[in-house]
């Protein structure tokens, strides 16, 4: 699975993407984020506001319960602010 990180999430993690193989128990976006949080403090910090982040799977915005598989591309965006 290719995972793309943007803006503040990319800055906290320290890289713009990851290429991972999903563990058997990770089958939706929420579980993916929980799995990534266990990769280290930088990931945990990046997803501290997981209820506010936006996620796209194969270039379509999805909810946290959206199913995922190893062939998907996942893009994760931080909370947006505007003025």
Foldseek 3Di string as FASTA:
>chain_A
DKEAEDDPLCVLLVHGIDQDADDPVQWWQLSVLVVQCVVDPSSVVSCVVVVQKWKDKQRHTDDRRHTDHNVIYMYIYGHDDDD
